[in-house]
């Protein structure tokens, strides 16, 4: 499990891709990381070359995002960000109701 960090390293290509494919802006990603109910999971499937994680968190406008990321040189490096699907929203809401 990764500790909550708020230092981001933004890759220009991934920032453009996340907007073009999913209409997610960097500030929304950052808001998801400070959500006290956010869930952080290990991404075993995509951790072959480096340790990767997933966070499911809510933005200030109540958008629930699914974000894949890695920690590089002490910074959060976002791989991809999109709206959480129905299953992921249910996982998040279950966690919120249990807290």
PDB file of N, CA and C in Angstrom:
ATOM      1  N   UNK A   1       0.849  -1.181   0.000  1.00  0.00           N
ATOM      2  CA  UNK A   1       0.000   0.000   0.000  1.00  0.00           C
ATOM      3  C   UNK A   1       0.892   1.241   0.000  1.00  0.00           C
ATOM      4  N   UNK A   2       0.532   2.206  -0.798  1.00  0.00           N
ATOM      5  CA  UNK A   2       1.307   3.437  -0.897  1.00  0.00           C
ATOM      6  C   UNK A   2       0.792   4.454   0.123  1.00  0.00           C
ATOM      7  N   UNK A   3       1.694   5.246   0.675  1.00  0.00           N
ATOM      8  CA  UNK A   3       1.294   6.333   1.569  1.00  0.00           C
ATOM      9  C   UNK A   3       0.719   7.459   0.727  1.00  0.00           C
ATOM     10  N   UNK A   4      -0.152   8.264   1.318  1.00  0.00           N
ATOM     11  CA  UNK A   4      -0.721   9.402   0.601  1.00  0.00           C
ATOM     12  C   UNK A   4       0.361  10.444   0.368  1.00  0.00           C
ATOM     13  N   UNK A   5       0.573  10.769  -0.865  1.00  0.00           N
ATOM     14  CA  UNK A   5       1.529  11.806  -1.246  1.00  0.00           C
ATOM     15  C   UNK A   5       0.782  12.825  -2.083  1.00  0.00           C
ATOM     16  N   UNK A   6       1.315  14.011  -2.146  1.00  0.00           N
ATOM     17  CA  UNK A   6       0.661  15.018  -2.972  1.00  0.00           C
ATOM     18  C   UNK A   6       1.625  15.690  -3.939  1.00  0.00           C
ATOM     19  N   UNK A   7       2.808  15.129  -4.123  1.00  0.00           N
ATOM     20  CA  UNK A   7       3.761  15.657  -5.098  1.00  0.00           C
ATOM     21  C   UNK A   7       3.541  14.949  -6.424  1.00  0.00           C
ATOM     22  N   UNK A   8       3.187  15.699  -7.444  1.00  0.00           N
ATOM     23  CA  UNK A   8       2.894  15.103  -8.740  1.00  0.00           C
ATOM     24  C   UNK A   8       3.970  15.437  -9.755  1.00  0.00           C
ATOM     25  N   UNK A   9       4.215  14.491 -10.636  1.00  0.00           N
ATOM     26  CA  UNK A   9       5.083  14.688 -11.787  1.00  0.00           C
ATOM     27  C   UNK A   9       4.202  14.441 -13.001  1.00  0.00           C
ATOM     28  N   UNK A  10       3.924  15.496 -13.751  1.00  0.00           N
ATOM     29  CA  UNK A  10       3.000  15.379 -14.873  1.00  0.00           C
ATOM     30  C   UNK A  10       3.744  15.166 -16.184  1.00  0.00           C
ATOM     31  N   UNK A  11       3.328  14.153 -16.910  1.00  0.00           N
ATOM     32  CA  UNK A  11       3.844  13.859 -18.238  1.00  0.00           C
ATOM     33  C   UNK A  11       2.906  14.530 -19.245  1.00  0.00           C
ATOM     34  N   UNK A  12       3.466  15.353 -20.118  1.00  0.00           N
ATOM     35  CA  UNK A  12       2.636  16.104 -21.072  1.00  0.00           C
ATOM     36  C   UNK A  12       1.760  15.174 -21.914  1.00  0.00           C
ATOM     37  N   UNK A  13       2.325  14.072 -22.404  1.00  0.00           N
ATOM     38  CA  UNK A  13       1.560  13.149 -23.237  1.00  0.00           C
ATOM     39  C   UNK A  13       0.385  12.552 -22.461  1.00  0.00           C
ATOM     40  N   UNK A  14       0.625  12.079 -21.237  1.00  0.00           N
ATOM     41  CA  UNK A  14      -0.452  11.479 -20.452  1.00  0.00           C
ATOM     42  C   UNK A  14      -1.519  12.504 -20.090  1.00  0.00           C
ATOM     43  N   UNK A  15      -1.114  13.734 -19.835  1.00  0.00           N
ATOM     44  CA  UNK A  15      -2.077  14.794 -19.535  1.00  0.00           C
ATOM     45  C   UNK A  15      -2.997  15.025 -20.727  1.00  0.00           C
ATOM     46  N   UNK A  16      -2.410  15.094 -21.917  1.00  0.00           N
ATOM     47  CA  UNK A  16      -3.203  15.284 -23.144  1.00  0.00           C
ATOM     48  C   UNK A  16      -4.097  14.071 -23.392  1.00  0.00           C
ATOM     49  N   UNK A  17      -3.545  12.870 -23.235  1.00  0.00           N
ATOM     50  CA  UNK A  17      -4.305  11.633 -23.453  1.00  0.00           C
ATOM     51  C   UNK A  17      -5.493  11.534 -22.498  1.00  0.00           C
ATOM     52  N   UNK A  18      -5.264  11.842 -21.213  1.00  0.00           N
ATOM     53  CA  UNK A  18      -6.356  11.753 -20.243  1.00  0.00           C
ATOM     54  C   UNK A  18      -7.480  12.733 -20.560  1.00  0.00           C
ATOM     55  N   UNK A  19      -7.137  13.894 -21.093  1.00  0.00           N
ATOM     56  CA  UNK A  19      -8.174  14.840 -21.490  1.00  0.00           C
ATOM     57  C   UNK A  19      -8.876  14.371 -22.772  1.00  0.00           C
ATOM     58  N   UNK A  20      -8.113  13.987 -23.771  1.00  0.00           N
ATOM     59  CA  UNK A  20      -8.690  13.599 -25.062  1.00  0.00           C
ATOM     60  C   UNK A  20      -9.589  12.370 -24.953  1.00  0.00           C
ATOM     61  N   UNK A  21      -9.168  11.378 -24.183  1.00  0.00           N
ATOM     62  CA  UNK A  21      -9.936  10.136 -24.084  1.00  0.00           C
ATOM     63  C   UNK A  21     -11.022  10.165 -23.016  1.00  0.00           C
ATOM     64  N   UNK A  22     -10.765  10.880 -21.906  1.00  0.00           N
ATOM     65  CA  UNK A  22     -11.656  10.756 -20.747  1.00  0.00           C
ATOM     66  C   UNK A  22     -12.101  12.091 -20.144  1.00  0.00           C
ATOM     67  N   UNK A  23     -11.673  13.203 -20.716  1.00  0.00           N
ATOM     68  CA  UNK A  23     -12.001  14.535 -20.217  1.00  0.00           C
ATOM     69  C   UNK A  23     -11.673  14.692 -18.726  1.00  0.00           C
ATOM     70  N   UNK A  24     -10.482  14.228 -18.349  1.00  0.00           N
ATOM     71  CA  UNK A  24      -9.997  14.365 -16.971  1.00  0.00           C
ATOM     72  C   UNK A  24      -8.828  15.339 -16.972  1.00  0.00           C
ATOM     73  N   UNK A  25      -8.929  16.360 -16.148  1.00  0.00           N
ATOM     74  CA  UNK A  25      -7.888  17.375 -16.009  1.00  0.00           C
ATOM     75  C   UNK A  25      -6.983  17.032 -14.819  1.00  0.00           C
ATOM     76  N   UNK A  26      -5.728  17.495 -14.840  1.00  0.00           N
ATOM     77  CA  UNK A  26      -4.810  17.213 -13.726  1.00  0.00           C
ATOM     78  C   UNK A  26      -5.347  17.640 -12.356  1.00  0.00           C
ATOM     79  N   UNK A  27      -6.021  18.785 -12.268  1.00  0.00           N
ATOM     80  CA  UNK A  27      -6.512  19.229 -10.966  1.00  0.00           C
ATOM     81  C   UNK A  27      -7.563  18.273 -10.401  1.00  0.00           C
ATOM     82  N   UNK A  28      -8.328  17.599 -11.281  1.00  0.00           N
ATOM     83  CA  UNK A  28      -9.304  16.620 -10.804  1.00  0.00           C
ATOM     84  C   UNK A  28      -8.605  15.390 -10.232  1.00  0.00           C
ATOM     85  N   UNK A  29      -7.536  14.970 -10.887  1.00  0.00           N
ATOM     86  CA  UNK A  29      -6.738  13.852 -10.381  1.00  0.00           C
ATOM     87  C   UNK A  29      -6.211  14.195  -8.992  1.00  0.00           C
ATOM     88  N   UNK A  30      -5.659  15.382  -8.846  1.00  0.00           N
ATOM     89  CA  UNK A  30      -5.107  15.787  -7.560  1.00  0.00           C
ATOM     90  C   UNK A  30      -6.184  15.833  -6.481  1.00  0.00           C
ATOM     91  N   UNK A  31      -7.378  16.270  -6.827  1.00  0.00           N
ATOM     92  CA  UNK A  31      -8.479  16.281  -5.859  1.00  0.00           C
ATOM     93  C   UNK A  31      -8.809  14.873  -5.384  1.00  0.00           C
ATOM     94  N   UNK A  32      -8.744  13.894  -6.275  1.00  0.00           N
ATOM     95  CA  UNK A  32      -9.036  12.508  -5.899  1.00  0.00           C
ATOM     96  C   UNK A  32      -8.042  11.988  -4.871  1.00  0.00           C
ATOM     97  N   UNK A  33      -6.807  12.444  -4.939  1.00  0.00           N
ATOM     98  CA  UNK A  33      -5.785  11.995  -4.003  1.00  0.00           C
ATOM     99  C   UNK A  33      -5.976  12.553  -2.592  1.00  0.00           C
ATOM    100  N   UNK A  34      -6.667  13.663  -2.454  1.00  0.00           N
ATOM    101  CA  UNK A  34      -6.899  14.223  -1.122  1.00  0.00           C
ATOM    102  C   UNK A  34      -8.264  13.843  -0.558  1.00  0.00           C
ATOM    103  N   UNK A  35      -9.028  13.060  -1.311  1.00  0.00           N
ATOM    104  CA  UNK A  35     -10.313  12.544  -0.834  1.00  0.00           C
ATOM    105  C   UNK A  35     -10.044  11.607   0.347  1.00  0.00           C
ATOM    106  N   UNK A  36     -10.579  11.921   1.519  1.00  0.00           N
ATOM    107  CA  UNK A  36     -10.316  11.100   2.709  1.00  0.00           C
ATOM    108  C   UNK A  36     -10.890   9.692   2.590  1.00  0.00           C
ATOM    109  N   UNK A  37     -11.810   9.480   1.678  1.00  0.00           N
ATOM    110  CA  UNK A  37     -12.401   8.161   1.475  1.00  0.00           C
ATOM    111  C   UNK A  37     -11.800   7.399   0.299  1.00  0.00           C
ATOM    112  N   UNK A  38     -10.794   7.980  -0.347  1.00  0.00           N
ATOM    113  CA  UNK A  38     -10.194   7.334  -1.518  1.00  0.00           C
ATOM    114  C   UNK A  38      -9.634   5.962  -1.146  1.00  0.00           C
ATOM    115  N   UNK A  39      -9.691   5.066  -2.102  1.00  0.00           N
ATOM    116  CA  UNK A  39      -9.190   3.705  -1.933  1.00  0.00           C
ATOM    117  C   UNK A  39      -7.937   3.573  -2.796  1.00  0.00           C
ATOM    118  N   UNK A  40      -6.850   3.104  -2.193  1.00  0.00           N
ATOM    119  CA  UNK A  40      -5.613   2.878  -2.943  1.00  0.00           C
ATOM    120  C   UNK A  40      -5.327   1.377  -2.936  1.00  0.00           C
ATOM    121  N   UNK A  41      -5.104   0.838  -4.131  1.00  0.00           N
ATOM    122  CA  UNK A  41      -4.871  -0.594  -4.304  1.00  0.00           C
ATOM    123  C   UNK A  41      -3.580  -0.826  -5.081  1.00  0.00           C
ATOM    124  N   UNK A  42      -2.967  -1.969  -4.863  1.00  0.00           N
ATOM    125  CA  UNK A  42      -1.840  -2.389  -5.692  1.00  0.00           C
ATOM    126  C   UNK A  42      -2.369  -2.814  -7.052  1.00  0.00           C
ATOM    127  N   UNK A  43      -1.683  -2.448  -8.112  1.00  0.00           N
ATOM    128  CA  UNK A  43      -2.053  -2.861  -9.468  1.00  0.00           C
ATOM    129  C   UNK A  43      -1.097  -3.977  -9.891  1.00  0.00           C
ATOM    130  N   UNK A  44      -1.378  -5.179  -9.416  1.00  0.00           N
ATOM    131  CA  UNK A  44      -0.501  -6.328  -9.678  1.00  0.00           C
ATOM    132  C   UNK A  44      -0.380  -6.627 -11.167  1.00  0.00           C
ATOM    133  N   UNK A  45      -1.468  -6.479 -11.910  1.00  0.00           N
ATOM    134  CA  UNK A  45      -1.485  -6.811 -13.331  1.00  0.00           C
ATOM    135  C   UNK A  45      -0.494  -5.970 -14.139  1.00  0.00           C
ATOM    136  N   UNK A  46      -0.328  -4.714 -13.755  1.00  0.00           N
ATOM    137  CA  UNK A  46       0.514  -3.797 -14.522  1.00  0.00           C
ATOM    138  C   UNK A  46       1.813  -3.432 -13.806  1.00  0.00           C
ATOM    139  N   UNK A  47       2.238  -4.248 -12.860  1.00  0.00           N
ATOM    140  CA  UNK A  47       3.445  -3.956 -12.081  1.00  0.00           C
ATOM    141  C   UNK A  47       4.648  -4.783 -12.511  1.00  0.00           C
ATOM    142  N   UNK A  48       4.728  -5.145 -13.756  1.00  0.00           N
ATOM    143  CA  UNK A  48       5.843  -5.965 -14.243  1.00  0.00           C
ATOM    144  C   UNK A  48       7.158  -5.193 -14.253  1.00  0.00           C
ATOM    145  N   UNK A  49       7.172  -3.982 -14.812  1.00  0.00           N
ATOM    146  CA  UNK A  49       8.390  -3.199 -14.930  1.00  0.00           C
ATOM    147  C   UNK A  49       8.613  -2.268 -13.738  1.00  0.00           C
ATOM    148  N   UNK A  50       7.527  -1.807 -13.128  1.00  0.00           N
ATOM    149  CA  UNK A  50       7.605  -0.954 -11.950  1.00  0.00           C
ATOM    150  C   UNK A  50       6.338  -1.167 -11.123  1.00  0.00           C
ATOM    151  N   UNK A  51       6.413  -0.875  -9.833  1.00  0.00           N
ATOM    152  CA  UNK A  51       5.258  -1.009  -8.950  1.00  0.00           C
ATOM    153  C   UNK A  51       4.234   0.049  -9.323  1.00  0.00           C
ATOM    154  N   UNK A  52       3.010  -0.404  -9.588  1.00  0.00           N
ATOM    155  CA  UNK A  52       1.925   0.519  -9.935  1.00  0.00           C
ATOM    156  C   UNK A  52       0.774   0.365  -8.965  1.00  0.00           C
ATOM    157  N   UNK A  53      -0.014   1.427  -8.891  1.00  0.00           N
ATOM    158  CA  UNK A  53      -1.137   1.488  -7.965  1.00  0.00           C
ATOM    159  C   UNK A  53      -2.368   2.024  -8.686  1.00  0.00           C
ATOM    160  N   UNK A  54      -3.492   1.847  -8.010  1.00  0.00           N
ATOM    161  CA  UNK A  54      -4.770   2.384  -8.478  1.00  0.00           C
ATOM    162  C   UNK A  54      -5.371   3.145  -7.307  1.00  0.00           C
ATOM    163  N   UNK A  55      -5.955   4.284  -7.609  1.00  0.00           N
ATOM    164  CA  UNK A  55      -6.726   5.005  -6.599  1.00  0.00           C
ATOM    165  C   UNK A  55      -8.108   5.265  -7.177  1.00  0.00           C
ATOM    166  N   UNK A  56      -9.111   5.067  -6.353  1.00  0.00           N
ATOM    167  CA  UNK A  56     -10.487   5.426  -6.705  1.00  0.00           C
ATOM    168  C   UNK A  56     -10.870   6.515  -5.717  1.00  0.00           C
ATOM    169  N   UNK A  57     -11.107   7.718  -6.233  1.00  0.00           N
ATOM    170  CA  UNK A  57     -11.397   8.843  -5.353  1.00  0.00           C
ATOM    171  C   UNK A  57     -12.355   9.825  -5.995  1.00  0.00           C
ATOM    172  N   UNK A  58     -12.928  10.659  -5.148  1.00  0.00           N
ATOM    173  CA  UNK A  58     -13.947  11.619  -5.574  1.00  0.00           C
ATOM    174  C   UNK A  58     -13.335  13.012  -5.708  1.00  0.00           C
ATOM    175  N   UNK A  59     -13.774  13.738  -6.737  1.00  0.00           N
ATOM    176  CA  UNK A  59     -13.368  15.128  -6.931  1.00  0.00           C
ATOM    177  C   UNK A  59     -14.328  16.039  -6.161  1.00  0.00           C
ATOM    178  N   UNK A  60     -14.004  17.304  -6.135  1.00  0.00           N
ATOM    179  CA  UNK A  60     -14.885  18.273  -5.450  1.00  0.00           C
ATOM    180  C   UNK A  60     -16.254  18.372  -6.107  1.00  0.00           C
ATOM    181  N   UNK A  61     -16.338  18.014  -7.387  1.00  0.00           N
ATOM    182  CA  UNK A  61     -17.631  18.045  -8.085  1.00  0.00           C
ATOM    183  C   UNK A  61     -18.299  16.679  -8.090  1.00  0.00           C
ATOM    184  N   UNK A  62     -17.885  15.806  -7.159  1.00  0.00           N
ATOM    185  CA  UNK A  62     -18.465  14.474  -6.966  1.00  0.00           C
ATOM    186  C   UNK A  62     -18.263  13.517  -8.131  1.00  0.00           C
ATOM    187  N   UNK A  63     -17.259  13.738  -8.897  1.00  0.00           N
ATOM    188  CA  UNK A  63     -16.881  12.817  -9.965  1.00  0.00           C
ATOM    189  C   UNK A  63     -15.957  11.768  -9.355  1.00  0.00           C
ATOM    190  N   UNK A  64     -16.279  10.490  -9.524  1.00  0.00           N
ATOM    191  CA  UNK A  64     -15.447   9.426  -8.983  1.00  0.00           C
ATOM    192  C   UNK A  64     -14.515   8.949 -10.089  1.00  0.00           C
ATOM    193  N   UNK A  65     -13.201   9.073  -9.826  1.00  0.00           N
ATOM    194  CA  UNK A  65     -12.196   8.732 -10.822  1.00  0.00           C
ATOM    195  C   UNK A  65     -11.439   7.466 -10.454  1.00  0.00           C
ATOM    196  N   UNK A  66     -11.014   6.759 -11.476  1.00  0.00           N
ATOM    197  CA  UNK A  66     -10.153   5.582 -11.372  1.00  0.00           C
ATOM    198  C   UNK A  66      -8.828   6.003 -11.989  1.00  0.00           C
ATOM    199  N   UNK A  67      -7.775   5.992 -11.180  1.00  0.00           N
ATOM    200  CA  UNK A  67      -6.492   6.524 -11.620  1.00  0.00           C
ATOM    201  C   UNK A  67      -5.402   5.476 -11.415  1.00  0.00           C
ATOM    202  N   UNK A  68      -4.656   5.203 -12.472  1.00  0.00           N
ATOM    203  CA  UNK A  68      -3.491   4.324 -12.382  1.00  0.00           C
ATOM    204  C   UNK A  68      -2.262   5.219 -12.263  1.00  0.00           C
ATOM    205  N   UNK A  69      -1.351   4.848 -11.338  1.00  0.00           N
ATOM    206  CA  UNK A  69      -0.176   5.679 -11.130  1.00  0.00           C
ATOM    207  C   UNK A  69       0.998   4.863 -10.597  1.00  0.00           C
ATOM    208  N   UNK A  70       2.156   5.479 -10.646  1.00  0.00           N
ATOM    209  CA  UNK A  70       3.377   4.908 -10.086  1.00  0.00           C
ATOM    210  C   UNK A  70       4.035   5.983  -9.235  1.00  0.00           C
ATOM    211  N   UNK A  71       4.940   5.570  -8.376  1.00  0.00           N
ATOM    212  CA  UNK A  71       5.738   6.518  -7.608  1.00  0.00           C
ATOM    213  C   UNK A  71       7.134   6.509  -8.219  1.00  0.00           C
ATOM    214  N   UNK A  72       7.566   7.660  -8.710  1.00  0.00           N
ATOM    215  CA  UNK A  72       8.898   7.798  -9.306  1.00  0.00           C
ATOM    216  C   UNK A  72       9.623   8.956  -8.640  1.00  0.00           C
ATOM    217  N   UNK A  73      10.769   8.659  -8.092  1.00  0.00           N
ATOM    218  CA  UNK A  73      11.577   9.686  -7.429  1.00  0.00           C
ATOM    219  C   UNK A  73      10.767  10.474  -6.392  1.00  0.00           C
ATOM    220  N   UNK A  74       9.901   9.768  -5.672  1.00  0.00           N
ATOM    221  CA  UNK A  74       9.118  10.403  -4.619  1.00  0.00           C
ATOM    222  C   UNK A  74       7.930  11.204  -5.099  1.00  0.00           C
ATOM    223  N   UNK A  75       7.614  11.136  -6.394  1.00  0.00           N
ATOM    224  CA  UNK A  75       6.488  11.872  -6.961  1.00  0.00           C
ATOM    225  C   UNK A  75       5.458  10.901  -7.543  1.00  0.00           C
ATOM    226  N   UNK A  76       4.202  11.329  -7.521  1.00  0.00           N
ATOM    227  CA  UNK A  76       3.137  10.560  -8.155  1.00  0.00           C
ATOM    228  C   UNK A  76       3.197  10.817  -9.649  1.00  0.00           C
ATOM    229  N   UNK A  77       3.316   9.755 -10.415  1.00  0.00           N
ATOM    230  CA  UNK A  77       3.349   9.849 -11.878  1.00  0.00           C
ATOM    231  C   UNK A  77       2.079   9.180 -12.387  1.00  0.00           C
ATOM    232  N   UNK A  78       1.133   9.963 -12.867  1.00  0.00           N
ATOM    233  CA  UNK A  78      -0.152   9.445 -13.326  1.00  0.00           C
ATOM    234  C   UNK A  78       0.039   8.769 -14.671  1.00  0.00           C
ATOM    235  N   UNK A  79      -0.433   7.523 -14.754  1.00  0.00           N
ATOM    236  CA  UNK A  79      -0.374   6.758 -15.999  1.00  0.00           C
ATOM    237  C   UNK A  79      -1.648   7.017 -16.801  1.00  0.00           C
ATOM    238  N   UNK A  80      -2.796   6.866 -16.137  1.00  0.00           N
ATOM    239  CA  UNK A  80      -4.077   7.137 -16.793  1.00  0.00           C
ATOM    240  C   UNK A  80      -5.121   7.504 -15.750  1.00  0.00           C
ATOM    241  N   UNK A  81      -6.141   8.219 -16.200  1.00  0.00           N
ATOM    242  CA  UNK A  81      -7.239   8.635 -15.328  1.00  0.00           C
ATOM    243  C   UNK A  81      -8.521   8.651 -16.140  1.00  0.00           C
ATOM    244  N   UNK A  82      -9.567   8.104 -15.527  1.00  0.00           N
ATOM    245  CA  UNK A  82     -10.868   8.044 -16.207  1.00  0.00           C
ATOM    246  C   UNK A  82     -11.960   7.998 -15.150  1.00  0.00           C
ATOM    247  N   UNK A  83     -13.210   8.131 -15.603  1.00  0.00           N
ATOM    248  CA  UNK A  83     -14.331   7.946 -14.688  1.00  0.00           C
ATOM    249  C   UNK A  83     -14.372   6.487 -14.249  1.00  0.00           C
ATOM    250  N   UNK A  84     -14.676   6.272 -12.988  1.00  0.00           N
ATOM    251  CA  UNK A  84     -14.820   4.910 -12.481  1.00  0.00           C
ATOM    252  C   UNK A  84     -16.039   4.265 -13.133  1.00  0.00           C
ATOM    253  N   UNK A  85     -15.922   2.965 -13.423  1.00  0.00           N
ATOM    254  CA  UNK A  85     -17.081   2.257 -13.973  1.00  0.00           C
ATOM    255  C   UNK A  85     -18.024   1.866 -12.829  1.00  0.00           C
ATOM    256  N   UNK A  86     -19.140   1.265 -13.154  1.00  0.00           N
ATOM    257  CA  UNK A  86     -20.171   0.950 -12.155  1.00  0.00           C
ATOM    258  C   UNK A  86     -19.618   0.073 -11.022  1.00  0.00           C
ATOM    259  N   UNK A  87     -18.847  -0.939 -11.372  1.00  0.00           N
ATOM    260  CA  UNK A  87     -18.269  -1.835 -10.362  1.00  0.00           C
ATOM    261  C   UNK A  87     -17.334  -1.061  -9.430  1.00  0.00           C
ATOM    262  N   UNK A  88     -16.517  -0.194 -10.000  1.00  0.00           N
ATOM    263  CA  UNK A  88     -15.568   0.590  -9.212  1.00  0.00           C
ATOM    264  C   UNK A  88     -16.279   1.608  -8.320  1.00  0.00           C
ATOM    265  N   UNK A  89     -17.351   2.213  -8.840  1.00  0.00           N
ATOM    266  CA  UNK A  89     -18.153   3.132  -8.026  1.00  0.00           C
ATOM    267  C   UNK A  89     -18.755   2.382  -6.847  1.00  0.00           C
ATOM    268  N   UNK A  90     -19.244   1.172  -7.086  1.00  0.00           N
ATOM    269  CA  UNK A  90     -19.822   0.367  -5.995  1.00  0.00           C
ATOM    270  C   UNK A  90     -18.775   0.050  -4.930  1.00  0.00           C
ATOM    271  N   UNK A  91     -17.554  -0.276  -5.344  1.00  0.00           N
ATOM    272  CA  UNK A  91     -16.464  -0.537  -4.389  1.00  0.00           C
ATOM    273  C   UNK A  91     -16.215   0.724  -3.550  1.00  0.00           C
ATOM    274  N   UNK A  92     -16.151   1.863  -4.208  1.00  0.00           N
ATOM    275  CA  UNK A  92     -15.905   3.120  -3.508  1.00  0.00           C
ATOM    276  C   UNK A  92     -17.029   3.420  -2.525  1.00  0.00           C
ATOM    277  N   UNK A  93     -18.265   3.321  -2.988  1.00  0.00           N
ATOM    278  CA  UNK A  93     -19.411   3.649  -2.127  1.00  0.00           C
ATOM    279  C   UNK A  93     -19.530   2.688  -0.948  1.00  0.00           C
ATOM    280  N   UNK A  94     -19.178   1.423  -1.148  1.00  0.00           N
ATOM    281  CA  UNK A  94     -19.182   0.452  -0.050  1.00  0.00           C
ATOM    282  C   UNK A  94     -18.152   0.865   0.998  1.00  0.00           C
ATOM    283  N   UNK A  95     -16.981   1.274   0.543  1.00  0.00           N
ATOM    284  CA  UNK A  95     -15.921   1.713   1.455  1.00  0.00           C
ATOM    285  C   UNK A  95     -16.360   2.961   2.238  1.00  0.00           C
ATOM    286  N   UNK A  96     -17.008   3.902   1.560  1.00  0.00           N
ATOM    287  CA  UNK A  96     -17.478   5.127   2.214  1.00  0.00           C
ATOM    288  C   UNK A  96     -18.518   4.786   3.280  1.00  0.00           C
ATOM    289  N   UNK A  97     -19.428   3.874   2.949  1.00  0.00           N
ATOM    290  CA  UNK A  97     -20.487   3.528   3.916  1.00  0.00           C
ATOM    291  C   UNK A  97     -19.927   2.768   5.118  1.00  0.00           C
ATOM    292  N   UNK A  98     -18.771   2.103   4.968  1.00  0.00           N
ATOM    293  CA  UNK A  98     -18.149   1.375   6.070  1.00  0.00           C
ATOM    294  C   UNK A  98     -17.265   2.257   6.947  1.00  0.00           C
ATOM    295  N   UNK A  99     -17.005   3.480   6.487  1.00  0.00           N
ATOM    296  CA  UNK A  99     -16.110   4.341   7.284  1.00  0.00           C
ATOM    297  C   UNK A  99     -16.870   5.284   8.175  1.00  0.00           C
TER     298      UNK A  99
END
